[in-house]
Amino acid sequence: MIFPLLGILALAVGGCVCVVWAERGGPRWVRIVAALTRGAGELLSSAQKSRRRGLSGNTDGD
């Protein structure tokens, strides 16, 4: 169980490093990884927002 979590942590840290490196003008592959990391972050953020709206928006007055 610990190894998959460490793998996910390594991917997240690596993605963040690529985002910073891409902002400083890194190679093309770094900019691609940074774009994928940003896209995944946006996707997760929008999913959390819609989930929160679904939980709090259900006030029918049972």
C-alpha atoms as a PDB file:
ATOM      1  CA  MET A   1       0.000   0.000   0.000  1.00  0.00           C
ATOM      2  CA  ILE A   2       2.862   2.373   0.740  1.00  0.00           C
ATOM      3  CA  PHE A   3       4.528   1.946  -2.655  1.00  0.00           C
ATOM      4  CA  PRO A   4       1.573   3.156  -4.758  1.00  0.00           C
ATOM      5  CA  LEU A   5       1.231   6.174  -2.477  1.00  0.00           C
ATOM      6  CA  LEU A   6       4.935   6.935  -2.806  1.00  0.00           C
ATOM      7  CA  GLY A   7       4.588   6.640  -6.591  1.00  0.00           C
ATOM      8  CA  ILE A   8       1.703   9.117  -6.638  1.00  0.00           C
ATOM      9  CA  LEU A   9       3.669  11.489  -4.405  1.00  0.00           C
ATOM     10  CA  ALA A  10       6.689  11.241  -6.713  1.00  0.00           C
ATOM     11  CA  LEU A  11       4.519  12.012  -9.755  1.00  0.00           C
ATOM     12  CA  ALA A  12       2.966  15.023  -8.021  1.00  0.00           C
ATOM     13  CA  VAL A  13       6.336  16.422  -6.936  1.00  0.00           C
ATOM     14  CA  GLY A  14       7.819  15.775 -10.372  1.00  0.00           C
ATOM     15  CA  GLY A  15       4.890  17.540 -12.004  1.00  0.00           C
ATOM     16  CA  CYS A  16       5.326  20.564  -9.754  1.00  0.00           C
ATOM     17  CA  VAL A  17       9.041  20.686 -10.559  1.00  0.00           C
ATOM     18  CA  CYS A  18       8.218  20.598 -14.264  1.00  0.00           C
ATOM     19  CA  VAL A  19       5.728  23.461 -13.872  1.00  0.00           C
ATOM     20  CA  VAL A  20       8.380  25.635 -12.229  1.00  0.00           C
ATOM     21  CA  TRP A  21      11.029  24.608 -14.765  1.00  0.00           C
ATOM     22  CA  ALA A  22       8.676  25.305 -17.682  1.00  0.00           C
ATOM     23  CA  GLU A  23       8.000  28.807 -16.344  1.00  0.00           C
ATOM     24  CA  ARG A  24      11.738  29.407 -16.559  1.00  0.00           C
ATOM     25  CA  GLY A  25      11.877  28.189 -20.164  1.00  0.00           C
ATOM     26  CA  GLY A  26      12.719  24.505 -19.918  1.00  0.00           C
ATOM     27  CA  PRO A  27      12.847  22.038 -22.798  1.00  0.00           C
ATOM     28  CA  ARG A  28       9.774  21.039 -24.753  1.00  0.00           C
ATOM     29  CA  TRP A  29       9.122  17.809 -22.820  1.00  0.00           C
ATOM     30  CA  VAL A  30       9.079  19.786 -19.567  1.00  0.00           C
ATOM     31  CA  ARG A  31       6.480  22.174 -20.981  1.00  0.00           C
ATOM     32  CA  ILE A  32       4.350  19.183 -22.050  1.00  0.00           C
ATOM     33  CA  VAL A  33       4.545  17.586 -18.590  1.00  0.00           C
ATOM     34  CA  ALA A  34       3.764  20.954 -17.007  1.00  0.00           C
ATOM     35  CA  ALA A  35       0.696  21.365 -19.215  1.00  0.00           C
ATOM     36  CA  LEU A  36      -0.500  17.867 -18.289  1.00  0.00           C
ATOM     37  CA  THR A  37       0.059  18.613 -14.591  1.00  0.00           C
ATOM     38  CA  ARG A  38      -1.874  21.863 -14.799  1.00  0.00           C
ATOM     39  CA  GLY A  39      -4.671  20.154 -16.715  1.00  0.00           C
ATOM     40  CA  ALA A  40      -4.933  17.398 -14.104  1.00  0.00           C
ATOM     41  CA  GLY A  41      -5.054  20.026 -11.359  1.00  0.00           C
ATOM     42  CA  GLU A  42      -7.826  21.936 -13.117  1.00  0.00           C
ATOM     43  CA  LEU A  43      -9.783  18.724 -13.657  1.00  0.00           C
ATOM     44  CA  LEU A  44      -9.521  17.734  -9.996  1.00  0.00           C
ATOM     45  CA  SER A  45     -10.430  21.231  -8.868  1.00  0.00           C
ATOM     46  CA  SER A  46     -13.543  21.376 -11.017  1.00  0.00           C
ATOM     47  CA  ALA A  47     -14.566  17.891  -9.886  1.00  0.00           C
ATOM     48  CA  GLN A  48     -14.291  18.949  -6.239  1.00  0.00           C
ATOM     49  CA  LYS A  49     -16.317  22.093  -6.868  1.00  0.00           C
ATOM     50  CA  SER A  50     -19.122  20.194  -8.579  1.00  0.00           C
ATOM     51  CA  ARG A  51     -19.102  17.599  -5.812  1.00  0.00           C
ATOM     52  CA  ARG A  52     -19.398  20.318  -3.154  1.00  0.00           C
ATOM     53  CA  ARG A  53     -22.258  21.926  -5.065  1.00  0.00           C
ATOM     54  CA  GLY A  54     -24.024  18.573  -5.228  1.00  0.00           C
ATOM     55  CA  LEU A  55     -23.686  18.014  -1.501  1.00  0.00           C
ATOM     56  CA  SER A  56     -24.806  21.472  -0.405  1.00  0.00           C
ATOM     57  CA  GLY A  57     -27.391  22.043  -3.127  1.00  0.00           C
ATOM     58  CA  ASN A  58     -29.729  19.280  -1.937  1.00  0.00           C
ATOM     59  CA  THR A  59     -31.976  21.297   0.406  1.00  0.00           C
ATOM     60  CA  ASP A  60     -35.489  20.234  -0.585  1.00  0.00           C
ATOM     61  CA  GLY A  61     -36.793  20.360   2.963  1.00  0.00           C
ATOM     62  CA  ASP A  62     -37.456  16.611   3.279  1.00  0.00           C
END
